[in-house]
């Protein structure tokens, strides 16, 4: 099954992470690039996870997940080893219209985490629909090497031009040409 690529705006969307280990930590790290409206529930926390939670002032509870915990969340990340708990939370997420990702269990996922690059306003996501996360990771690393750091300033300039110039075909052509020339300059 292929996943539809979509970028979700997380403003006013609460995220719950169930789990406190290394995989939960990785998901927290990714989510913090886009939101801080995150809550974590886990019986145990790795030292690294607790340190990051405290440094980012993320709310958390040290206890087992219980039915109903996802009621007020738009997204839940289930980063626990128990397939039974993954299945339970996935089924419960349907009741609350909550998007669910159960780590390493695509059967219990409404979405998957792509390998991605985040540089200012640029986000490039790479996915193999779960076929090979390793390929996605190495392709992302390759892309990171060819995208220059100047992309951040260039995108700020393009954003300002879009805001300041009147809409229309002339603006569209000018912005298109500017983008084309910028990308061409990478290979020089």
C-alpha atoms as a PDB file:
ATOM      1  CA  UNK A   1       0.000   0.000   0.000  1.00  0.00           C
ATOM      2  CA  UNK A   2       1.276   3.478  -0.855  1.00  0.00           C
ATOM      3  CA  UNK A   3       0.805   6.443   1.456  1.00  0.00           C
ATOM      4  CA  UNK A   4      -0.504   9.753   0.158  1.00  0.00           C
ATOM      5  CA  UNK A   5       2.077  12.477   0.834  1.00  0.00           C
ATOM      6  CA  UNK A   6       0.497  15.291   2.818  1.00  0.00           C
ATOM      7  CA  UNK A   7       1.869  18.019   5.039  1.00  0.00           C
ATOM      8  CA  UNK A   8      -0.332  18.574   8.079  1.00  0.00           C
ATOM      9  CA  UNK A   9      -0.361  21.892   9.886  1.00  0.00           C
ATOM     10  CA  UNK A  10      -0.178  21.081  13.600  1.00  0.00           C
ATOM     11  CA  UNK A  11      -1.318  24.434  15.010  1.00  0.00           C
ATOM     12  CA  UNK A  12      -4.180  23.775  17.450  1.00  0.00           C
ATOM     13  CA  UNK A  13      -3.714  20.002  17.121  1.00  0.00           C
ATOM     14  CA  UNK A  14      -2.602  18.242  20.276  1.00  0.00           C
ATOM     15  CA  UNK A  15      -0.260  15.271  19.893  1.00  0.00           C
ATOM     16  CA  UNK A  16       0.015  12.343  22.316  1.00  0.00           C
ATOM     17  CA  UNK A  17       3.022  10.042  22.474  1.00  0.00           C
ATOM     18  CA  UNK A  18       2.507   6.750  24.285  1.00  0.00           C
ATOM     19  CA  UNK A  19       5.909   5.410  25.278  1.00  0.00           C
ATOM     20  CA  UNK A  20       9.077   6.758  26.817  1.00  0.00           C
ATOM     21  CA  UNK A  21      11.927   4.795  25.246  1.00  0.00           C
ATOM     22  CA  UNK A  22      14.345   5.402  22.395  1.00  0.00           C
ATOM     23  CA  UNK A  23      11.782   5.150  19.590  1.00  0.00           C
ATOM     24  CA  UNK A  24       9.410   7.501  21.422  1.00  0.00           C
ATOM     25  CA  UNK A  25      12.360   9.869  21.808  1.00  0.00           C
ATOM     26  CA  UNK A  26      13.019   9.798  18.037  1.00  0.00           C
ATOM     27  CA  UNK A  27       9.360  10.606  17.327  1.00  0.00           C
ATOM     28  CA  UNK A  28       9.427  13.429  19.890  1.00  0.00           C
ATOM     29  CA  UNK A  29      12.536  14.862  18.215  1.00  0.00           C
ATOM     30  CA  UNK A  30      10.774  14.873  14.823  1.00  0.00           C
ATOM     31  CA  UNK A  31       7.563  16.366  16.175  1.00  0.00           C
ATOM     32  CA  UNK A  32       9.413  19.188  17.932  1.00  0.00           C
ATOM     33  CA  UNK A  33      10.439  20.499  14.489  1.00  0.00           C
ATOM     34  CA  UNK A  34       6.751  21.291  13.943  1.00  0.00           C
ATOM     35  CA  UNK A  35       4.945  21.658  17.301  1.00  0.00           C
ATOM     36  CA  UNK A  36       5.409  21.754  21.056  1.00  0.00           C
ATOM     37  CA  UNK A  37       1.774  20.902  21.830  1.00  0.00           C
ATOM     38  CA  UNK A  38       2.780  17.370  22.828  1.00  0.00           C
ATOM     39  CA  UNK A  39       1.895  15.240  25.840  1.00  0.00           C
ATOM     40  CA  UNK A  40       3.639  11.978  26.751  1.00  0.00           C
ATOM     41  CA  UNK A  41       2.346   9.019  28.745  1.00  0.00           C
ATOM     42  CA  UNK A  42       4.664   6.155  29.696  1.00  0.00           C
ATOM     43  CA  UNK A  43       5.360   3.837  32.603  1.00  0.00           C
ATOM     44  CA  UNK A  44       9.117   4.281  32.143  1.00  0.00           C
ATOM     45  CA  UNK A  45      11.240   6.995  30.508  1.00  0.00           C
ATOM     46  CA  UNK A  46      14.768   6.855  29.168  1.00  0.00           C
ATOM     47  CA  UNK A  47      17.096   9.480  30.637  1.00  0.00           C
ATOM     48  CA  UNK A  48      17.404  11.095  27.207  1.00  0.00           C
ATOM     49  CA  UNK A  49      13.612  11.280  26.826  1.00  0.00           C
ATOM     50  CA  UNK A  50      13.115  12.847  30.277  1.00  0.00           C
ATOM     51  CA  UNK A  51      15.876  15.366  29.655  1.00  0.00           C
ATOM     52  CA  UNK A  52      14.303  16.469  26.371  1.00  0.00           C
ATOM     53  CA  UNK A  53      10.799  16.594  27.861  1.00  0.00           C
ATOM     54  CA  UNK A  54      12.067  18.830  30.663  1.00  0.00           C
ATOM     55  CA  UNK A  55      14.178  21.087  28.410  1.00  0.00           C
ATOM     56  CA  UNK A  56      11.247  21.641  26.034  1.00  0.00           C
ATOM     57  CA  UNK A  57       8.708  21.903  28.884  1.00  0.00           C
ATOM     58  CA  UNK A  58       6.584  19.085  27.423  1.00  0.00           C
ATOM     59  CA  UNK A  59       3.793  17.775  29.659  1.00  0.00           C
ATOM     60  CA  UNK A  60       4.044  14.122  30.643  1.00  0.00           C
ATOM     61  CA  UNK A  61       2.730  11.494  33.015  1.00  0.00           C
ATOM     62  CA  UNK A  62       4.514   8.447  34.435  1.00  0.00           C
ATOM     63  CA  UNK A  63       1.832   5.782  34.247  1.00  0.00           C
ATOM     64  CA  UNK A  64       0.307   3.173  31.954  1.00  0.00           C
ATOM     65  CA  UNK A  65      -1.950   4.218  29.097  1.00  0.00           C
ATOM     66  CA  UNK A  66      -5.639   3.872  29.866  1.00  0.00           C
ATOM     67  CA  UNK A  67      -8.667   3.920  27.604  1.00  0.00           C
ATOM     68  CA  UNK A  68      -9.875   7.448  26.930  1.00  0.00           C
ATOM     69  CA  UNK A  69      -6.434   9.064  27.145  1.00  0.00           C
ATOM     70  CA  UNK A  70      -6.579  10.004  23.442  1.00  0.00           C
ATOM     71  CA  UNK A  71      -9.963  11.721  23.591  1.00  0.00           C
ATOM     72  CA  UNK A  72      -8.592  15.283  23.345  1.00  0.00           C
ATOM     73  CA  UNK A  73      -5.791  14.605  20.856  1.00  0.00           C
ATOM     74  CA  UNK A  74      -5.710  14.956  17.078  1.00  0.00           C
ATOM     75  CA  UNK A  75      -2.729  12.632  16.661  1.00  0.00           C
ATOM     76  CA  UNK A  76      -1.387   9.733  18.719  1.00  0.00           C
ATOM     77  CA  UNK A  77       2.015   8.089  18.342  1.00  0.00           C
ATOM     78  CA  UNK A  78       2.180   4.624  19.884  1.00  0.00           C
ATOM     79  CA  UNK A  79       5.839   3.828  20.578  1.00  0.00           C
ATOM     80  CA  UNK A  80       5.525   0.696  22.713  1.00  0.00           C
ATOM     81  CA  UNK A  81       6.558  -2.911  22.092  1.00  0.00           C
ATOM     82  CA  UNK A  82       3.145  -4.385  22.953  1.00  0.00           C
ATOM     83  CA  UNK A  83       1.308  -5.234  19.728  1.00  0.00           C
ATOM     84  CA  UNK A  84      -1.836  -5.714  21.801  1.00  0.00           C
ATOM     85  CA  UNK A  85      -1.665  -2.134  23.123  1.00  0.00           C
ATOM     86  CA  UNK A  86      -0.869  -0.824  19.636  1.00  0.00           C
ATOM     87  CA  UNK A  87      -3.989  -2.546  18.276  1.00  0.00           C
ATOM     88  CA  UNK A  88      -6.164  -1.302  21.158  1.00  0.00           C
ATOM     89  CA  UNK A  89      -5.082   2.316  20.753  1.00  0.00           C
ATOM     90  CA  UNK A  90      -5.462   2.139  16.966  1.00  0.00           C
ATOM     91  CA  UNK A  91      -9.047   0.858  17.336  1.00  0.00           C
ATOM     92  CA  UNK A  92      -9.814   3.484  19.979  1.00  0.00           C
ATOM     93  CA  UNK A  93      -8.425   6.234  17.727  1.00  0.00           C
ATOM     94  CA  UNK A  94     -11.281   5.572  15.279  1.00  0.00           C
ATOM     95  CA  UNK A  95     -13.800   6.395  18.004  1.00  0.00           C
ATOM     96  CA  UNK A  96     -12.203   9.828  18.521  1.00  0.00           C
ATOM     97  CA  UNK A  97     -11.275  10.542  14.867  1.00  0.00           C
ATOM     98  CA  UNK A  98      -7.664  10.720  15.942  1.00  0.00           C
ATOM     99  CA  UNK A  99      -4.852   9.937  13.483  1.00  0.00           C
ATOM    100  CA  UNK A 100      -2.719   7.073  14.771  1.00  0.00           C
ATOM    101  CA  UNK A 101       0.840   5.929  14.130  1.00  0.00           C
ATOM    102  CA  UNK A 102       1.959   2.714  15.782  1.00  0.00           C
ATOM    103  CA  UNK A 103       5.716   2.514  15.361  1.00  0.00           C
ATOM    104  CA  UNK A 104       6.831  -0.425  13.186  1.00  0.00           C
ATOM    105  CA  UNK A 105       3.255  -1.728  12.808  1.00  0.00           C
ATOM    106  CA  UNK A 106       1.863  -0.370   9.538  1.00  0.00           C
ATOM    107  CA  UNK A 107      -1.360  -2.316  10.148  1.00  0.00           C
ATOM    108  CA  UNK A 108      -2.057   0.124  12.995  1.00  0.00           C
ATOM    109  CA  UNK A 109      -1.100   3.322  11.174  1.00  0.00           C
ATOM    110  CA  UNK A 110      -3.181   6.018   9.537  1.00  0.00           C
ATOM    111  CA  UNK A 111       0.106   7.665   8.554  1.00  0.00           C
ATOM    112  CA  UNK A 112       3.813   6.996   8.682  1.00  0.00           C
ATOM    113  CA  UNK A 113       6.770   9.226   9.485  1.00  0.00           C
ATOM    114  CA  UNK A 114       8.852   9.918   6.401  1.00  0.00           C
ATOM    115  CA  UNK A 115      12.551  10.551   6.493  1.00  0.00           C
ATOM    116  CA  UNK A 116      12.757  14.317   6.073  1.00  0.00           C
ATOM    117  CA  UNK A 117      14.919  17.393   5.787  1.00  0.00           C
ATOM    118  CA  UNK A 118      13.837  20.583   7.587  1.00  0.00           C
ATOM    119  CA  UNK A 119      15.745  23.743   6.738  1.00  0.00           C
ATOM    120  CA  UNK A 120      13.841  26.939   7.492  1.00  0.00           C
ATOM    121  CA  UNK A 121      10.665  26.915   5.401  1.00  0.00           C
ATOM    122  CA  UNK A 122      11.895  23.964   3.332  1.00  0.00           C
ATOM    123  CA  UNK A 123      10.689  20.506   4.252  1.00  0.00           C
ATOM    124  CA  UNK A 124      11.547  17.620   1.945  1.00  0.00           C
ATOM    125  CA  UNK A 125      10.040  14.246   2.837  1.00  0.00           C
ATOM    126  CA  UNK A 126      11.165  10.874   1.517  1.00  0.00           C
ATOM    127  CA  UNK A 127       9.156   7.696   1.966  1.00  0.00           C
ATOM    128  CA  UNK A 128       9.254   4.152   0.650  1.00  0.00           C
ATOM    129  CA  UNK A 129       5.780   3.415   2.100  1.00  0.00           C
ATOM    130  CA  UNK A 130       7.493   1.250   4.691  1.00  0.00           C
ATOM    131  CA  UNK A 131       9.266  -0.950   2.134  1.00  0.00           C
ATOM    132  CA  UNK A 132      12.717   0.207   3.199  1.00  0.00           C
ATOM    133  CA  UNK A 133      13.168   2.925   5.814  1.00  0.00           C
ATOM    134  CA  UNK A 134      16.925   2.476   5.293  1.00  0.00           C
ATOM    135  CA  UNK A 135      16.647   3.541   1.623  1.00  0.00           C
ATOM    136  CA  UNK A 136      14.580   6.575   2.641  1.00  0.00           C
ATOM    137  CA  UNK A 137      17.214   7.499   5.250  1.00  0.00           C
ATOM    138  CA  UNK A 138      20.141   7.293   2.822  1.00  0.00           C
ATOM    139  CA  UNK A 139      18.265   9.148   0.096  1.00  0.00           C
ATOM    140  CA  UNK A 140      17.496  11.907   2.615  1.00  0.00           C
ATOM    141  CA  UNK A 141      21.172  12.084   3.569  1.00  0.00           C
ATOM    142  CA  UNK A 142      22.110  12.396  -0.105  1.00  0.00           C
ATOM    143  CA  UNK A 143      19.599  15.223  -0.614  1.00  0.00           C
ATOM    144  CA  UNK A 144      20.901  17.010   2.496  1.00  0.00           C
ATOM    145  CA  UNK A 145      24.342  17.118   0.876  1.00  0.00           C
ATOM    146  CA  UNK A 146      23.132  18.771  -2.327  1.00  0.00           C
ATOM    147  CA  UNK A 147      20.740  21.348  -0.827  1.00  0.00           C
ATOM    148  CA  UNK A 148      22.798  24.434   0.093  1.00  0.00           C
ATOM    149  CA  UNK A 149      22.420  26.266   3.407  1.00  0.00           C
ATOM    150  CA  UNK A 150      21.535  29.379   1.368  1.00  0.00           C
ATOM    151  CA  UNK A 151      18.084  27.831   0.753  1.00  0.00           C
ATOM    152  CA  UNK A 152      16.840  29.398   3.999  1.00  0.00           C
ATOM    153  CA  UNK A 153      17.656  32.967   2.890  1.00  0.00           C
ATOM    154  CA  UNK A 154      16.475  32.301  -0.658  1.00  0.00           C
ATOM    155  CA  UNK A 155      13.079  31.081   0.543  1.00  0.00           C
ATOM    156  CA  UNK A 156      12.746  34.137   2.809  1.00  0.00           C
ATOM    157  CA  UNK A 157      13.405  36.348  -0.214  1.00  0.00           C
ATOM    158  CA  UNK A 158      10.849  34.428  -2.299  1.00  0.00           C
ATOM    159  CA  UNK A 159       8.285  34.699   0.508  1.00  0.00           C
ATOM    160  CA  UNK A 160       8.765  38.479   0.660  1.00  0.00           C
ATOM    161  CA  UNK A 161       8.462  38.796  -3.117  1.00  0.00           C
ATOM    162  CA  UNK A 162       5.221  36.791  -3.094  1.00  0.00           C
ATOM    163  CA  UNK A 163       3.824  39.113  -0.413  1.00  0.00           C
ATOM    164  CA  UNK A 164       4.959  42.362  -2.023  1.00  0.00           C
ATOM    165  CA  UNK A 165       4.325  41.810  -5.730  1.00  0.00           C
ATOM    166  CA  UNK A 166       0.805  41.895  -7.171  1.00  0.00           C
ATOM    167  CA  UNK A 167      -0.611  38.506  -8.121  1.00  0.00           C
ATOM    168  CA  UNK A 168      -0.750  37.623 -11.763  1.00  0.00           C
ATOM    169  CA  UNK A 169       1.032  35.993 -14.659  1.00  0.00           C
ATOM    170  CA  UNK A 170       3.979  38.410 -14.598  1.00  0.00           C
ATOM    171  CA  UNK A 171       4.730  37.665 -10.933  1.00  0.00           C
ATOM    172  CA  UNK A 172       4.340  33.946 -11.542  1.00  0.00           C
ATOM    173  CA  UNK A 173       6.818  33.982 -14.457  1.00  0.00           C
ATOM    174  CA  UNK A 174       9.365  36.075 -12.543  1.00  0.00           C
ATOM    175  CA  UNK A 175       9.220  33.827  -9.465  1.00  0.00           C
ATOM    176  CA  UNK A 176       9.419  30.705 -11.614  1.00  0.00           C
ATOM    177  CA  UNK A 177      12.510  32.016 -13.441  1.00  0.00           C
ATOM    178  CA  UNK A 178      14.144  33.044 -10.152  1.00  0.00           C
ATOM    179  CA  UNK A 179      13.547  29.564  -8.669  1.00  0.00           C
ATOM    180  CA  UNK A 180      14.823  27.817 -11.817  1.00  0.00           C
ATOM    181  CA  UNK A 181      18.015  29.892 -11.835  1.00  0.00           C
ATOM    182  CA  UNK A 182      18.611  29.315  -8.134  1.00  0.00           C
ATOM    183  CA  UNK A 183      18.339  25.528  -8.487  1.00  0.00           C
ATOM    184  CA  UNK A 184      20.563  25.610 -11.616  1.00  0.00           C
ATOM    185  CA  UNK A 185      23.224  27.483  -9.614  1.00  0.00           C
ATOM    186  CA  UNK A 186      23.682  24.438  -7.342  1.00  0.00           C
ATOM    187  CA  UNK A 187      25.499  22.494 -10.052  1.00  0.00           C
ATOM    188  CA  UNK A 188      27.988  25.254 -10.910  1.00  0.00           C
END
